[in-house]
Amino acid sequence: NKSGWQKEGSAWYYYKNGTLVRNAWAGNYWLGADGRMATNAWVDSNRY
């Protein structure tokens, strides 16, 4: 039932109502298919 930003190992993840957010934005940060916050990459269908 995690909520908000959580650092797990060296990666950041975002939980909403206990659910890991995937393939979506959390503010200005993109969560990939595995839920990991993306860095140094084109995301969201290479639009950003």
All heavy atoms as atom14 arrays in JSON, in Angstrom:
{
  "sequence": "NKSGWQKEGSAWYYYKNGTLVRNAWAGNYWLGADGRMATNAWVDSNRY",
  "atom14_mask": [
    [1, 1, 1, 1, 1, 1, 1, 1, 0, 0, 0, 0, 0, 0],
    [1, 1, 1, 1, 1, 1, 1, 1, 1, 0, 0, 0, 0, 0],
    [1, 1, 1, 1, 1, 1, 0, 0, 0, 0, 0, 0, 0, 0],
    [1, 1, 1, 1, 0, 0, 0, 0, 0, 0, 0, 0, 0, 0],
    [1, 1, 1, 1, 1, 1, 1, 1, 1, 1, 1, 1, 1, 1],
    [1, 1, 1, 1, 1, 1, 1, 1, 1, 0, 0, 0, 0, 0],
    [1, 1, 1, 1, 1, 1, 1, 1, 1, 0, 0, 0, 0, 0],
    [1, 1, 1, 1, 1, 1, 1, 1, 1, 0, 0, 0, 0, 0],
    [1, 1, 1, 1, 0, 0, 0, 0, 0, 0, 0, 0, 0, 0],
    [1, 1, 1, 1, 1, 1, 0, 0, 0, 0, 0, 0, 0, 0],
    [1, 1, 1, 1, 1, 0, 0, 0, 0, 0, 0, 0, 0, 0],
    [1, 1, 1, 1, 1, 1, 1, 1, 1, 1, 1, 1, 1, 1],
    [1, 1, 1, 1, 1, 1, 1, 1, 1, 1, 1, 1, 0, 0],
    [1, 1, 1, 1, 1, 1, 1, 1, 1, 1, 1, 1, 0, 0],
    [1, 1, 1, 1, 1, 1, 1, 1, 1, 1, 1, 1, 0, 0],
    [1, 1, 1, 1, 1, 1, 1, 1, 1, 0, 0, 0, 0, 0],
    [1, 1, 1, 1, 1, 1, 1, 1, 0, 0, 0, 0, 0, 0],
    [1, 1, 1, 1, 0, 0, 0, 0, 0, 0, 0, 0, 0, 0],
    [1, 1, 1, 1, 1, 1, 1, 0, 0, 0, 0, 0, 0, 0],
    [1, 1, 1, 1, 1, 1, 1, 1, 0, 0, 0, 0, 0, 0],
    [1, 1, 1, 1, 1, 1, 1, 0, 0, 0, 0, 0, 0, 0],
    [1, 1, 1, 1, 1, 1, 1, 1, 1, 1, 1, 0, 0, 0],
    [1, 1, 1, 1, 1, 1, 1, 1, 0, 0, 0, 0, 0, 0],
    [1, 1, 1, 1, 1, 0, 0, 0, 0, 0, 0, 0, 0, 0],
    [1, 1, 1, 1, 1, 1, 1, 1, 1, 1, 1, 1, 1, 1],
    [1, 1, 1, 1, 1, 0, 0, 0, 0, 0, 0, 0, 0, 0],
    [1, 1, 1, 1, 0, 0, 0, 0, 0, 0, 0, 0, 0, 0],
    [1, 1, 1, 1, 1, 1, 1, 1, 0, 0, 0, 0, 0, 0],
    [1, 1, 1, 1, 1, 1, 1, 1, 1, 1, 1, 1, 0, 0],
    [1, 1, 1, 1, 1, 1, 1, 1, 1, 1, 1, 1, 1, 1],
    [1, 1, 1, 1, 1, 1, 1, 1, 0, 0, 0, 0, 0, 0],
    [1, 1, 1, 1, 0, 0, 0, 0, 0, 0, 0, 0, 0, 0],
    [1, 1, 1, 1, 1, 0, 0, 0, 0, 0, 0, 0, 0, 0],
    [1, 1, 1, 1, 1, 1, 1, 1, 0, 0, 0, 0, 0, 0],
    [1, 1, 1, 1, 0, 0, 0, 0, 0, 0, 0, 0, 0, 0],
    [1, 1, 1, 1, 1, 1, 1, 1, 1, 1, 1, 0, 0, 0],
    [1, 1, 1, 1, 1, 1, 1, 1, 0, 0, 0, 0, 0, 0],
    [1, 1, 1, 1, 1, 0, 0, 0, 0, 0, 0, 0, 0, 0],
    [1, 1, 1, 1, 1, 1, 1, 0, 0, 0, 0, 0, 0, 0],
    [1, 1, 1, 1, 1, 1, 1, 1, 0, 0, 0, 0, 0, 0],
    [1, 1, 1, 1, 1, 0, 0, 0, 0, 0, 0, 0, 0, 0],
    [1, 1, 1, 1, 1, 1, 1, 1, 1, 1, 1, 1, 1, 1],
    [1, 1, 1, 1, 1, 1, 1, 0, 0, 0, 0, 0, 0, 0],
    [1, 1, 1, 1, 1, 1, 1, 1, 0, 0, 0, 0, 0, 0],
    [1, 1, 1, 1, 1, 1, 0, 0, 0, 0, 0, 0, 0, 0],
    [1, 1, 1, 1, 1, 1, 1, 1, 0, 0, 0, 0, 0, 0],
    [1, 1, 1, 1, 1, 1, 1, 1, 1, 1, 1, 0, 0, 0],
    [1, 1, 1, 1, 1, 1, 1, 1, 1, 1, 1, 1, 0, 0]
  ],
  "atom14_positions": [
    [[0.85, -1.19, 0.0], [0.0, 0.0, 0.0], [0.88, 1.24, 0.0], [0.62, 2.22, 0.65], [-0.92, 0.0, 1.22], [-2.02, 1.04, 1.1], [-2.43, 1.37, -0.01], [-2.47, 1.56, 2.22], [0.0, 0.0, 0.0], [0.0, 0.0, 0.0], [0.0, 0.0, 0.0], [0.0, 0.0, 0.0], [0.0, 0.0, 0.0], [0.0, 0.0, 0.0]],
    [[2.01, 1.11, -0.76], [2.95, 2.21, -0.84], [2.31, 3.39, -1.54], [1.43, 3.22, -2.39], [4.21, 1.77, -1.57], [4.99, 0.68, -0.86], [6.19, 0.26, -1.67], [6.96, -0.85, -0.98], [8.12, -1.32, -1.77], [0.0, 0.0, 0.0], [0.0, 0.0, 0.0], [0.0, 0.0, 0.0], [0.0, 0.0, 0.0], [0.0, 0.0, 0.0]],
    [[2.81, 4.55, -1.22], [2.25, 5.76, -1.82], [3.36, 6.73, -2.15], [4.32, 6.88, -1.39], [1.25, 6.41, -0.86], [0.68, 7.57, -1.42], [0.0, 0.0, 0.0], [0.0, 0.0, 0.0], [0.0, 0.0, 0.0], [0.0, 0.0, 0.0], [0.0, 0.0, 0.0], [0.0, 0.0, 0.0], [0.0, 0.0, 0.0], [0.0, 0.0, 0.0]],
    [[3.24, 7.36, -3.32], [4.22, 8.36, -3.71], [5.52, 7.74, -4.18], [5.6, 6.58, -4.57], [0.0, 0.0, 0.0], [0.0, 0.0, 0.0], [0.0, 0.0, 0.0], [0.0, 0.0, 0.0], [0.0, 0.0, 0.0], [0.0, 0.0, 0.0], [0.0, 0.0, 0.0], [0.0, 0.0, 0.0], [0.0, 0.0, 0.0], [0.0, 0.0, 0.0]],
    [[6.6, 8.54, -4.12], [7.9, 8.11, -4.6], [8.56, 7.16, -3.62], [8.59, 7.42, -2.42], [8.81, 9.31, -4.84], [8.41, 10.1, -6.06], [7.75, 11.29, -6.1], [8.64, 9.72, -7.41], [7.55, 11.68, -7.39], [8.08, 10.74, -8.23], [9.26, 8.63, -8.02], [8.14, 10.69, -9.61], [9.32, 8.58, -9.41], [8.75, 9.61, -10.19]],
    [[9.11, 6.07, -4.16], [9.81, 5.09, -3.35], [11.11, 4.72, -4.07], [11.1, 4.38, -5.25], [8.97, 3.82, -3.17], [7.61, 4.04, -2.55], [7.69, 4.36, -1.07], [8.63, 3.95, -0.39], [6.7, 5.09, -0.56], [0.0, 0.0, 0.0], [0.0, 0.0, 0.0], [0.0, 0.0, 0.0], [0.0, 0.0, 0.0], [0.0, 0.0, 0.0]],
    [[12.22, 4.79, -3.32], [13.5, 4.38, -3.9], [13.76, 2.94, -3.52], [13.78, 2.57, -2.35], [14.64, 5.26, -3.4], [15.95, 5.04, -4.16], [17.01, 6.05, -3.8], [18.24, 5.89, -4.69], [19.31, 6.87, -4.35], [0.0, 0.0, 0.0], [0.0, 0.0, 0.0], [0.0, 0.0, 0.0], [0.0, 0.0, 0.0], [0.0, 0.0, 0.0]],
    [[13.95, 2.1, -4.54], [14.18, 0.69, -4.32], [15.48, 0.33, -5.03], [15.55, 0.31, -6.26], [13.0, -0.13, -4.86], [11.68, 0.24, -4.16], [10.48, -0.49, -4.73], [10.68, -1.43, -5.53], [9.34, -0.12, -4.36], [0.0, 0.0, 0.0], [0.0, 0.0, 0.0], [0.0, 0.0, 0.0], [0.0, 0.0, 0.0], [0.0, 0.0, 0.0]],
    [[16.51, 0.09, -4.22], [17.84, -0.08, -4.79], [18.33, 1.25, -5.29], [18.3, 2.25, -4.56], [0.0, 0.0, 0.0], [0.0, 0.0, 0.0], [0.0, 0.0, 0.0], [0.0, 0.0, 0.0], [0.0, 0.0, 0.0], [0.0, 0.0, 0.0], [0.0, 0.0, 0.0], [0.0, 0.0, 0.0], [0.0, 0.0, 0.0], [0.0, 0.0, 0.0]],
    [[18.74, 1.32, -6.55], [19.21, 2.58, -7.13], [18.15, 3.26, -7.98], [18.4, 4.32, -8.56], [20.45, 2.31, -7.99], [20.14, 1.41, -9.04], [0.0, 0.0, 0.0], [0.0, 0.0, 0.0], [0.0, 0.0, 0.0], [0.0, 0.0, 0.0], [0.0, 0.0, 0.0], [0.0, 0.0, 0.0], [0.0, 0.0, 0.0], [0.0, 0.0, 0.0]],
    [[16.97, 2.66, -8.07], [15.92, 3.19, -8.95], [14.76, 3.78, -8.16], [14.5, 3.39, -7.03], [15.41, 2.08, -9.87], [0.0, 0.0, 0.0], [0.0, 0.0, 0.0], [0.0, 0.0, 0.0], [0.0, 0.0, 0.0], [0.0, 0.0, 0.0], [0.0, 0.0, 0.0], [0.0, 0.0, 0.0], [0.0, 0.0, 0.0], [0.0, 0.0, 0.0]],
    [[14.07, 4.72, -8.82], [12.89, 5.35, -8.22], [11.63, 4.8, -8.87], [11.58, 4.55, -10.07], [12.94, 6.86, -8.41], [13.89, 7.54, -7.46], [15.17, 7.89, -7.72], [13.62, 7.95, -6.12], [15.74, 8.49, -6.63], [14.8, 8.55, -5.62], [12.5, 7.87, -5.29], [14.89, 9.06, -4.33], [12.59, 8.39, -4.01], [13.77, 8.97, -3.53]],
    [[10.61, 4.61, -8.01], [9.3, 4.14, -8.47], [8.23, 5.04, -7.85], [8.47, 5.71, -6.85], [9.07, 2.69, -8.05], [10.06, 1.72, -8.64], [11.3, 1.53, -8.03], [9.78, 1.01, -9.79], [12.23, 0.65, -8.57], [10.69, 0.12, -10.33], [11.92, -0.05, -9.71], [12.84, -0.92, -10.25], [0.0, 0.0, 0.0], [0.0, 0.0, 0.0]],
    [[7.04, 5.01, -8.45], [5.95, 5.83, -7.93], [4.71, 4.96, -7.73], [4.3, 4.22, -8.64], [5.63, 6.98, -8.88], [4.66, 7.99, -8.31], [5.11, 8.99, -7.45], [3.3, 7.93, -8.62], [4.23, 9.91, -6.91], [2.41, 8.85, -8.08], [2.88, 9.83, -7.22], [2.0, 10.74, -6.68], [0.0, 0.0, 0.0], [0.0, 0.0, 0.0]],
    [[4.13, 5.06, -6.52], [2.95, 4.27, -6.19], [1.75, 5.19, -5.98], [1.87, 6.26, -5.37], [3.18, 3.46, -4.92], [4.2, 2.36, -5.08], [5.55, 2.62, -4.98], [3.79, 1.05, -5.33], [6.5, 1.61, -5.13], [4.71, 0.03, -5.47], [6.07, 0.32, -5.37], [6.99, -0.69, -5.51], [0.0, 0.0, 0.0], [0.0, 0.0, 0.0]],
    [[0.61, 4.73, -6.48], [-0.63, 5.47, -6.3], [-1.67, 4.51, -5.74], [-2.01, 3.51, -6.38], [-1.11, 6.07, -7.62], [-2.31, 6.98, -7.5], [-2.65, 7.62, -8.84], [-3.84, 8.57, -8.7], [-4.18, 9.2, -10.01], [0.0, 0.0, 0.0], [0.0, 0.0, 0.0], [0.0, 0.0, 0.0], [0.0, 0.0, 0.0], [0.0, 0.0, 0.0]],
    [[-2.12, 4.81, -4.53], [-3.08, 3.93, -3.84], [-2.57, 2.5, -3.76], [-3.31, 1.54, -3.95], [-4.44, 3.97, -4.56], [-5.06, 5.35, -4.55], [-4.91, 6.11, -3.58], [-5.73, 5.71, -5.64], [0.0, 0.0, 0.0], [0.0, 0.0, 0.0], [0.0, 0.0, 0.0], [0.0, 0.0, 0.0], [0.0, 0.0, 0.0], [0.0, 0.0, 0.0]],
    [[-1.27, 2.39, -3.51], [-0.67, 1.08, -3.35], [-0.31, 0.38, -4.64], [0.24, -0.72, -4.63], [0.0, 0.0, 0.0], [0.0, 0.0, 0.0], [0.0, 0.0, 0.0], [0.0, 0.0, 0.0], [0.0, 0.0, 0.0], [0.0, 0.0, 0.0], [0.0, 0.0, 0.0], [0.0, 0.0, 0.0], [0.0, 0.0, 0.0], [0.0, 0.0, 0.0]],
    [[-0.61, 1.0, -5.79], [-0.34, 0.37, -7.09], [0.84, 1.05, -7.77], [0.91, 2.28, -7.84], [-1.58, 0.47, -8.0], [-2.69, -0.17, -7.36], [-1.32, -0.19, -9.35], [0.0, 0.0, 0.0], [0.0, 0.0, 0.0], [0.0, 0.0, 0.0], [0.0, 0.0, 0.0], [0.0, 0.0, 0.0], [0.0, 0.0, 0.0], [0.0, 0.0, 0.0]],
    [[1.76, 0.25, -8.28], [2.91, 0.78, -9.0], [2.47, 1.4, -10.31], [1.78, 0.77, -11.12], [3.91, -0.35, -9.27], [5.19, 0.02, -10.01], [6.03, 1.01, -9.18], [6.01, -1.23, -10.31], [0.0, 0.0, 0.0], [0.0, 0.0, 0.0], [0.0, 0.0, 0.0], [0.0, 0.0, 0.0], [0.0, 0.0, 0.0], [0.0, 0.0, 0.0]],
    [[2.86, 2.64, -10.53], [2.49, 3.35, -11.76], [3.45, 2.93, -12.88], [4.66, 2.91, -12.69], [2.54, 4.86, -11.55], [2.23, 5.6, -12.85], [1.57, 5.28, -10.45], [0.0, 0.0, 0.0], [0.0, 0.0, 0.0], [0.0, 0.0, 0.0], [0.0, 0.0, 0.0], [0.0, 0.0, 0.0], [0.0, 0.0, 0.0], [0.0, 0.0, 0.0]],
    [[2.88, 2.61, -14.04], [3.66, 2.18, -15.19], [3.22, 2.93, -16.43], [2.04, 3.26, -16.58], [3.51, 0.68, -15.44], [3.82, -0.22, -14.24], [3.38, -1.65, -14.53], [3.51, -2.52, -13.37], [4.56, -3.28, -13.11], [5.59, -3.25, -13.93], [4.58, -4.06, -12.04], [0.0, 0.0, 0.0], [0.0, 0.0, 0.0], [0.0, 0.0, 0.0]],
    [[4.18, 3.19, -17.35], [3.87, 3.83, -18.62], [3.02, 5.07, -18.44], [1.99, 5.27, -19.11], [3.15, 2.85, -19.56], [4.07, 1.76, -20.06], [5.24, 2.0, -20.34], [3.55, 0.55, -20.15], [0.0, 0.0, 0.0], [0.0, 0.0, 0.0], [0.0, 0.0, 0.0], [0.0, 0.0, 0.0], [0.0, 0.0, 0.0], [0.0, 0.0, 0.0]],
    [[3.43, 5.92, -17.53], [2.66, 7.14, -17.25], [3.57, 8.18, -16.6], [4.68, 7.87, -16.16], [1.47, 6.83, -16.35], [0.0, 0.0, 0.0], [0.0, 0.0, 0.0], [0.0, 0.0, 0.0], [0.0, 0.0, 0.0], [0.0, 0.0, 0.0], [0.0, 0.0, 0.0], [0.0, 0.0, 0.0], [0.0, 0.0, 0.0], [0.0, 0.0, 0.0]],
    [[3.07, 9.42, -16.58], [3.8, 10.51, -15.94], [3.43, 10.62, -14.47], [2.27, 10.41, -14.11], [3.48, 11.84, -16.63], [4.05, 11.96, -18.01], [3.4, 11.71, -19.18], [5.37, 12.36, -18.36], [4.24, 11.92, -20.24], [5.46, 12.33, -19.77], [6.49, 12.75, -17.62], [6.63, 12.67, -20.45], [7.66, 13.09, -18.29], [7.72, 13.04, -19.69]],
    [[4.42, 10.96, -13.66], [4.18, 11.36, -12.28], [4.81, 12.74, -12.17], [6.02, 12.88, -11.97], [4.83, 10.39, -11.3], [0.0, 0.0, 0.0], [0.0, 0.0, 0.0], [0.0, 0.0, 0.0], [0.0, 0.0, 0.0], [0.0, 0.0, 0.0], [0.0, 0.0, 0.0], [0.0, 0.0, 0.0], [0.0, 0.0, 0.0], [0.0, 0.0, 0.0]],
    [[3.99, 13.76, -12.39], [4.53, 15.11, -12.49], [5.34, 15.22, -13.77], [4.86, 14.88, -14.85], [0.0, 0.0, 0.0], [0.0, 0.0, 0.0], [0.0, 0.0, 0.0], [0.0, 0.0, 0.0], [0.0, 0.0, 0.0], [0.0, 0.0, 0.0], [0.0, 0.0, 0.0], [0.0, 0.0, 0.0], [0.0, 0.0, 0.0], [0.0, 0.0, 0.0]],
    [[6.6, 15.66, -13.65], [7.47, 15.79, -14.82], [8.4, 14.59, -14.99], [9.45, 14.68, -15.63], [8.32, 17.07, -14.71], [7.49, 18.31, -14.96], [6.53, 18.28, -15.73], [7.84, 19.41, -14.32], [0.0, 0.0, 0.0], [0.0, 0.0, 0.0], [0.0, 0.0, 0.0], [0.0, 0.0, 0.0], [0.0, 0.0, 0.0], [0.0, 0.0, 0.0]],
    [[8.02, 13.45, -14.41], [8.86, 12.26, -14.43], [8.09, 11.1, -15.07], [6.91, 10.91, -14.8], [9.3, 11.89, -13.01], [10.06, 13.0, -12.33], [9.38, 14.02, -11.66], [11.45, 13.05, -12.4], [10.08, 15.06, -11.05], [12.15, 14.08, -11.8], [11.46, 15.09, -11.12], [12.15, 16.11, -10.53], [0.0, 0.0, 0.0], [0.0, 0.0, 0.0]],
    [[8.78, 10.35, -15.92], [8.13, 9.27, -16.65], [8.46, 7.92, -16.02], [9.61, 7.61, -15.73], [8.57, 9.27, -18.11], [8.01, 8.13, -18.91], [8.63, 6.98, -19.27], [6.67, 8.05, -19.44], [7.78, 6.18, -20.0], [6.58, 6.81, -20.12], [5.56, 8.89, -19.42], [5.41, 6.4, -20.77], [4.41, 8.48, -20.06], [4.33, 7.26, -20.72]],
    [[7.4, 7.12, -15.82], [7.56, 5.76, -15.33], [7.42, 4.79, -16.49], [6.42, 4.81, -17.2], [6.51, 5.44, -14.25], [6.59, 6.17, -12.89], [8.01, 6.18, -12.35], [6.07, 7.58, -12.97], [0.0, 0.0, 0.0], [0.0, 0.0, 0.0], [0.0, 0.0, 0.0], [0.0, 0.0, 0.0], [0.0, 0.0, 0.0], [0.0, 0.0, 0.0]],
    [[8.43, 3.95, -16.68], [8.44, 3.03, -17.8], [7.56, 1.81, -17.59], [6.81, 1.71, -16.62], [0.0, 0.0, 0.0], [0.0, 0.0, 0.0], [0.0, 0.0, 0.0], [0.0, 0.0, 0.0], [0.0, 0.0, 0.0], [0.0, 0.0, 0.0], [0.0, 0.0, 0.0], [0.0, 0.0, 0.0], [0.0, 0.0, 0.0], [0.0, 0.0, 0.0]],
    [[7.67, 0.85, -18.52], [6.84, -0.35, -18.47], [7.08, -1.16, -17.21], [6.19, -1.88, -16.74], [7.09, -1.2, -19.71], [0.0, 0.0, 0.0], [0.0, 0.0, 0.0], [0.0, 0.0, 0.0], [0.0, 0.0, 0.0], [0.0, 0.0, 0.0], [0.0, 0.0, 0.0], [0.0, 0.0, 0.0], [0.0, 0.0, 0.0], [0.0, 0.0, 0.0]],
    [[8.28, -1.06, -16.64], [8.59, -1.79, -15.41], [8.38, -0.93, -14.17], [8.69, -1.35, -13.06], [10.04, -2.3, -15.45], [11.05, -1.17, -15.6], [10.64, 0.0, -15.76], [12.26, -1.47, -15.57], [0.0, 0.0, 0.0], [0.0, 0.0, 0.0], [0.0, 0.0, 0.0], [0.0, 0.0, 0.0], [0.0, 0.0, 0.0], [0.0, 0.0, 0.0]],
    [[7.87, 0.28, -14.38], [7.62, 1.18, -13.26], [8.8, 2.03, -12.88], [8.68, 2.96, -12.08], [0.0, 0.0, 0.0], [0.0, 0.0, 0.0], [0.0, 0.0, 0.0], [0.0, 0.0, 0.0], [0.0, 0.0, 0.0], [0.0, 0.0, 0.0], [0.0, 0.0, 0.0], [0.0, 0.0, 0.0], [0.0, 0.0, 0.0], [0.0, 0.0, 0.0]],
    [[9.95, 1.73, -13.43], [11.17, 2.47, -13.09], [11.14, 3.88, -13.69], [10.73, 4.06, -14.84], [12.39, 1.72, -13.6], [13.74, 2.33, -13.22], [14.85, 1.61, -13.95], [14.94, 0.22, -13.56], [15.88, -0.27, -12.77], [16.84, 0.54, -12.3], [15.91, -1.54, -12.46], [0.0, 0.0, 0.0], [0.0, 0.0, 0.0], [0.0, 0.0, 0.0]],
    [[11.56, 4.87, -12.93], [11.64, 6.23, -13.44], [12.74, 6.3, -14.51], [13.87, 5.88, -14.28], [11.96, 7.22, -12.32], [12.01, 8.68, -12.78], [12.64, 9.78, -11.48], [14.42, 9.43, -11.59], [0.0, 0.0, 0.0], [0.0, 0.0, 0.0], [0.0, 0.0, 0.0], [0.0, 0.0, 0.0], [0.0, 0.0, 0.0], [0.0, 0.0, 0.0]],
    [[12.4, 6.82, -15.69], [13.35, 6.9, -16.8], [14.32, 8.06, -16.61], [13.97, 9.09, -16.02], [12.6, 7.07, -18.12], [0.0, 0.0, 0.0], [0.0, 0.0, 0.0], [0.0, 0.0, 0.0], [0.0, 0.0, 0.0], [0.0, 0.0, 0.0], [0.0, 0.0, 0.0], [0.0, 0.0, 0.0], [0.0, 0.0, 0.0], [0.0, 0.0, 0.0]],
    [[15.54, 7.89, -17.12], [16.54, 8.95, -17.12], [17.26, 8.96, -18.46], [17.44, 7.91, -19.08], [17.58, 8.76, -15.99], [18.24, 7.5, -16.17], [16.92, 8.81, -14.62], [0.0, 0.0, 0.0], [0.0, 0.0, 0.0], [0.0, 0.0, 0.0], [0.0, 0.0, 0.0], [0.0, 0.0, 0.0], [0.0, 0.0, 0.0], [0.0, 0.0, 0.0]],
    [[17.64, 10.15, -18.91], [18.41, 10.31, -20.15], [17.81, 9.52, -21.3], [18.47, 8.72, -21.95], [19.87, 9.86, -19.93], [20.59, 10.7, -18.91], [20.45, 11.93, -18.89], [21.37, 10.08, -18.06], [0.0, 0.0, 0.0], [0.0, 0.0, 0.0], [0.0, 0.0, 0.0], [0.0, 0.0, 0.0], [0.0, 0.0, 0.0], [0.0, 0.0, 0.0]],
    [[16.54, 9.75, -21.55], [15.87, 8.96, -22.58], [14.67, 9.7, -23.17], [14.09, 10.58, -22.53], [15.4, 7.63, -21.99], [0.0, 0.0, 0.0], [0.0, 0.0, 0.0], [0.0, 0.0, 0.0], [0.0, 0.0, 0.0], [0.0, 0.0, 0.0], [0.0, 0.0, 0.0], [0.0, 0.0, 0.0], [0.0, 0.0, 0.0], [0.0, 0.0, 0.0]],
    [[14.36, 9.31, -24.42], [13.11, 9.75, -25.02], [12.0, 8.85, -24.51], [12.14, 7.62, -24.5], [13.2, 9.67, -26.54], [14.07, 10.73, -27.14], [15.38, 10.64, -27.47], [13.67, 12.07, -27.46], [15.85, 11.82, -27.97], [14.82, 12.73, -27.99], [12.48, 12.78, -27.36], [14.78, 14.05, -28.41], [12.45, 14.09, -27.78], [13.59, 14.72, -28.29]],
    [[10.89, 9.43, -24.1], [9.82, 8.65, -23.48], [8.46, 9.05, -24.06], [8.37, 9.97, -24.87], [9.81, 8.86, -21.95], [11.13, 8.4, -21.34], [9.54, 10.32, -21.59], [0.0, 0.0, 0.0], [0.0, 0.0, 0.0], [0.0, 0.0, 0.0], [0.0, 0.0, 0.0], [0.0, 0.0, 0.0], [0.0, 0.0, 0.0], [0.0, 0.0, 0.0]],
    [[7.44, 8.31, -23.6], [6.07, 8.59, -24.02], [5.97, 8.64, -25.54], [5.68, 9.67, -26.14], [5.57, 9.9, -23.4], [4.05, 10.02, -23.41], [3.39, 9.09, -23.88], [3.53, 11.05, -22.94], [0.0, 0.0, 0.0], [0.0, 0.0, 0.0], [0.0, 0.0, 0.0], [0.0, 0.0, 0.0], [0.0, 0.0, 0.0], [0.0, 0.0, 0.0]],
    [[6.26, 7.47, -26.15], [6.24, 7.33, -27.61], [7.21, 8.29, -28.28], [6.93, 8.84, -29.35], [4.82, 7.54, -28.16], [3.93, 6.58, -27.62], [0.0, 0.0, 0.0], [0.0, 0.0, 0.0], [0.0, 0.0, 0.0], [0.0, 0.0, 0.0], [0.0, 0.0, 0.0], [0.0, 0.0, 0.0], [0.0, 0.0, 0.0], [0.0, 0.0, 0.0]],
    [[8.37, 8.49, -27.63], [9.45, 9.32, -28.16], [9.05, 10.78, -28.37], [9.64, 11.48, -29.19], [9.98, 8.74, -29.48], [10.76, 7.47, -29.26], [11.53, 7.36, -28.32], [10.55, 6.49, -30.13], [0.0, 0.0, 0.0], [0.0, 0.0, 0.0], [0.0, 0.0, 0.0], [0.0, 0.0, 0.0], [0.0, 0.0, 0.0], [0.0, 0.0, 0.0]],
    [[8.06, 11.23, -27.63], [7.62, 12.62, -27.78], [8.33, 13.58, -26.85], [8.38, 14.79, -27.12], [6.11, 12.71, -27.55], [5.27, 12.0, -28.61], [3.8, 12.19, -28.38], [3.36, 11.66, -27.09], [2.2, 11.94, -26.53], [1.37, 12.77, -27.12], [1.87, 11.38, -25.37], [0.0, 0.0, 0.0], [0.0, 0.0, 0.0], [0.0, 0.0, 0.0]],
    [[8.87, 13.07, -25.74], [9.49, 13.93, -24.75], [10.82, 13.34, -24.29], [11.03, 12.13, -24.39], [8.56, 14.1, -23.54], [7.17, 14.56, -23.91], [6.13, 13.64, -24.03], [6.89, 15.89, -24.17], [4.85, 14.04, -24.38], [5.63, 16.31, -24.53], [4.6, 15.38, -24.63], [3.34, 15.78, -24.98], [0.0, 0.0, 0.0], [0.0, 0.0, 0.0]]
  ]
}
